[in-house]
Amino acid sequence: MSDHEAECQHQLMIQHQKFTHKEMMAAQELERMRLEIKLKKLWVQTLTLQKGVAGVFDCIIIII
């Protein structure tokens, strides 16, 4: 293998590593976004349940 071929192969390897790294980072960002959406949905559910429970206690207090 000539020096030129070795250099080309080395450059291709570096480009492949950079591409793989960018692909991995994009996948991690997508997963982070999915988890953030899931967390926000759970937060809304929690607030809804808390409001529902508080509403039930308000009704009980009014009845008593």
N, C-alpha and C. Protein backbone atom coordinates (compact mmCIF):
# COMPACT_ATOMS: atom_id res chain seq x y z
N MET A 1 0.86 -1.18 0.00
CA MET A 1 0.00 0.00 0.00
C MET A 1 0.90 1.24 0.00
N SER A 2 0.58 2.19 -0.85
CA SER A 2 1.39 3.40 -0.94
C SER A 2 1.02 4.35 0.21
N ASP A 3 1.87 5.34 0.39
CA ASP A 3 1.60 6.34 1.42
C ASP A 3 0.29 7.07 1.14
N HIS A 4 0.04 7.34 -0.13
CA HIS A 4 -1.20 8.04 -0.51
C HIS A 4 -2.42 7.19 -0.17
N GLU A 5 -2.35 5.91 -0.48
CA GLU A 5 -3.47 5.01 -0.17
C GLU A 5 -3.68 4.89 1.33
N ALA A 6 -2.58 4.83 2.06
CA ALA A 6 -2.67 4.74 3.52
C ALA A 6 -3.30 6.01 4.09
N GLU A 7 -2.92 7.17 3.55
CA GLU A 7 -3.48 8.44 4.01
C GLU A 7 -4.98 8.51 3.69
N CYS A 8 -5.35 8.07 2.48
CA CYS A 8 -6.77 8.06 2.11
C CYS A 8 -7.57 7.14 3.03
N GLN A 9 -7.02 5.98 3.31
CA GLN A 9 -7.69 5.03 4.19
C GLN A 9 -7.84 5.62 5.59
N HIS A 10 -6.79 6.29 6.06
CA HIS A 10 -6.82 6.92 7.37
C HIS A 10 -7.91 8.01 7.41
N GLN A 11 -7.97 8.84 6.36
CA GLN A 11 -8.98 9.90 6.30
C GLN A 11 -10.40 9.33 6.27
N LEU A 12 -10.58 8.25 5.53
CA LEU A 12 -11.89 7.59 5.50
C LEU A 12 -12.28 7.05 6.87
N MET A 13 -11.32 6.50 7.57
CA MET A 13 -11.58 5.97 8.90
C MET A 13 -11.99 7.10 9.85
N ILE A 14 -11.29 8.23 9.76
CA ILE A 14 -11.62 9.38 10.61
C ILE A 14 -13.02 9.90 10.28
N GLN A 15 -13.34 10.01 8.99
CA GLN A 15 -14.67 10.47 8.58
C GLN A 15 -15.75 9.52 9.08
N HIS A 16 -15.47 8.24 9.02
CA HIS A 16 -16.44 7.24 9.51
C HIS A 16 -16.64 7.40 11.01
N GLN A 17 -15.55 7.60 11.75
CA GLN A 17 -15.66 7.78 13.20
C GLN A 17 -16.47 9.03 13.54
N LYS A 18 -16.23 10.12 12.80
CA LYS A 18 -16.98 11.36 13.03
C LYS A 18 -18.47 11.15 12.74
N PHE A 19 -18.76 10.47 11.63
CA PHE A 19 -20.15 10.21 11.27
C PHE A 19 -20.83 9.35 12.33
N THR A 20 -20.14 8.32 12.78
CA THR A 20 -20.69 7.43 13.80
C THR A 20 -20.95 8.20 15.09
N HIS A 21 -20.02 9.08 15.45
CA HIS A 21 -20.18 9.89 16.66
C HIS A 21 -21.39 10.82 16.53
N LYS A 22 -21.53 11.49 15.38
CA LYS A 22 -22.67 12.38 15.17
C LYS A 22 -23.98 11.61 15.21
N GLU A 23 -23.98 10.43 14.62
CA GLU A 23 -25.17 9.58 14.62
C GLU A 23 -25.55 9.18 16.04
N MET A 24 -24.55 8.83 16.84
CA MET A 24 -24.79 8.45 18.23
C MET A 24 -25.32 9.64 19.03
N MET A 25 -24.74 10.81 18.81
CA MET A 25 -25.19 12.01 19.53
C MET A 25 -26.63 12.36 19.15
N ALA A 26 -26.98 12.21 17.88
CA ALA A 26 -28.35 12.49 17.44
C ALA A 26 -29.33 11.50 18.08
N ALA A 27 -28.94 10.24 18.18
CA ALA A 27 -29.79 9.23 18.80
C ALA A 27 -29.99 9.54 20.29
N GLN A 28 -28.92 9.98 20.95
CA GLN A 28 -29.03 10.33 22.37
C GLN A 28 -29.93 11.55 22.56
N GLU A 29 -29.82 12.53 21.68
CA GLU A 29 -30.66 13.72 21.77
C GLU A 29 -32.13 13.36 21.55
N LEU A 30 -32.39 12.48 20.60
CA LEU A 30 -33.75 12.03 20.35
C LEU A 30 -34.31 11.30 21.57
N GLU A 31 -33.52 10.45 22.19
CA GLU A 31 -33.96 9.73 23.39
C GLU A 31 -34.20 10.71 24.53
N ARG A 32 -33.34 11.73 24.67
CA ARG A 32 -33.52 12.74 25.71
C ARG A 32 -34.85 13.47 25.49
N MET A 33 -35.15 13.80 24.25
CA MET A 33 -36.40 14.50 23.94
C MET A 33 -37.60 13.61 24.24
N ARG A 34 -37.52 12.33 23.91
CA ARG A 34 -38.61 11.40 24.22
C ARG A 34 -38.84 11.32 25.72
N LEU A 35 -37.75 11.22 26.48
CA LEU A 35 -37.88 11.13 27.94
C LEU A 35 -38.43 12.42 28.52
N GLU A 36 -38.03 13.55 27.95
CA GLU A 36 -38.55 14.83 28.43
C GLU A 36 -40.06 14.93 28.20
N ILE A 37 -40.52 14.48 27.05
CA ILE A 37 -41.96 14.48 26.77
C ILE A 37 -42.69 13.55 27.73
N LYS A 38 -42.12 12.37 27.96
CA LYS A 38 -42.73 11.41 28.89
C LYS A 38 -42.81 12.01 30.29
N LEU A 39 -41.74 12.68 30.72
CA LEU A 39 -41.71 13.31 32.04
C LEU A 39 -42.78 14.39 32.15
N LYS A 40 -42.93 15.20 31.10
CA LYS A 40 -43.94 16.26 31.13
C LYS A 40 -45.35 15.67 31.18
N LYS A 41 -45.58 14.58 30.46
CA LYS A 41 -46.89 13.92 30.51
C LYS A 41 -47.18 13.40 31.92
N LEU A 42 -46.17 12.80 32.55
CA LEU A 42 -46.34 12.30 33.92
C LEU A 42 -46.60 13.45 34.88
N TRP A 43 -45.93 14.58 34.67
CA TRP A 43 -46.12 15.75 35.52
C TRP A 43 -47.56 16.26 35.40
N VAL A 44 -48.08 16.30 34.17
CA VAL A 44 -49.47 16.73 33.96
C VAL A 44 -50.43 15.75 34.63
N GLN A 45 -50.16 14.45 34.50
CA GLN A 45 -51.02 13.45 35.15
C GLN A 45 -51.00 13.63 36.67
N THR A 46 -49.83 13.88 37.22
CA THR A 46 -49.71 14.08 38.67
C THR A 46 -50.51 15.30 39.11
N LEU A 47 -50.36 16.40 38.38
CA LEU A 47 -51.11 17.61 38.73
C LEU A 47 -52.62 17.37 38.61
N THR A 48 -53.02 16.65 37.59
CA THR A 48 -54.44 16.34 37.40
C THR A 48 -54.96 15.50 38.55
N LEU A 49 -54.19 14.49 38.95
CA LEU A 49 -54.60 13.64 40.07
C LEU A 49 -54.64 14.44 41.37
N GLN A 50 -53.65 15.30 41.59
CA GLN A 50 -53.64 16.11 42.80
C GLN A 50 -54.85 17.04 42.84
N LYS A 51 -55.15 17.63 41.70
CA LYS A 51 -56.31 18.52 41.63
C LYS A 51 -57.59 17.74 41.88
N GLY A 52 -57.67 16.53 41.33
CA GLY A 52 -58.85 15.68 41.55
C GLY A 52 -59.00 15.31 43.00
N VAL A 53 -57.91 14.93 43.65
CA VAL A 53 -57.95 14.57 45.07
C VAL A 53 -58.32 15.79 45.89
N ALA A 54 -57.74 16.94 45.58
CA ALA A 54 -58.08 18.16 46.31
C ALA A 54 -59.55 18.50 46.13
N GLY A 55 -60.07 18.30 44.92
CA GLY A 55 -61.49 18.55 44.66
C GLY A 55 -62.38 17.63 45.47
N VAL A 56 -61.99 16.38 45.60
CA VAL A 56 -62.76 15.41 46.40
C VAL A 56 -62.77 15.85 47.86
N PHE A 57 -61.63 16.28 48.40
CA PHE A 57 -61.58 16.74 49.78
C PHE A 57 -62.42 17.99 49.97
N ASP A 58 -62.42 18.88 48.98
CA ASP A 58 -63.26 20.08 49.07
C ASP A 58 -64.73 19.68 49.15
N CYS A 59 -65.14 18.70 48.35
CA CYS A 59 -66.54 18.24 48.38
C CYS A 59 -66.87 17.61 49.73
N ILE A 60 -65.96 16.83 50.29
CA ILE A 60 -66.20 16.19 51.59
C ILE A 60 -66.35 17.25 52.68
N ILE A 61 -65.50 18.25 52.64
CA ILE A 61 -65.56 19.32 53.65
C ILE A 61 -66.89 20.07 53.54
N ILE A 62 -67.33 20.33 52.32
CA ILE A 62 -68.61 21.04 52.11
C ILE A 62 -69.77 20.19 52.63
N ILE A 63 -69.73 18.88 52.40
CA ILE A 63 -70.80 17.99 52.86
C ILE A 63 -70.83 17.93 54.38
N ILE A 64 -69.68 17.90 54.99
CA ILE A 64 -69.60 17.82 56.46
C ILE A 64 -70.02 19.15 57.03
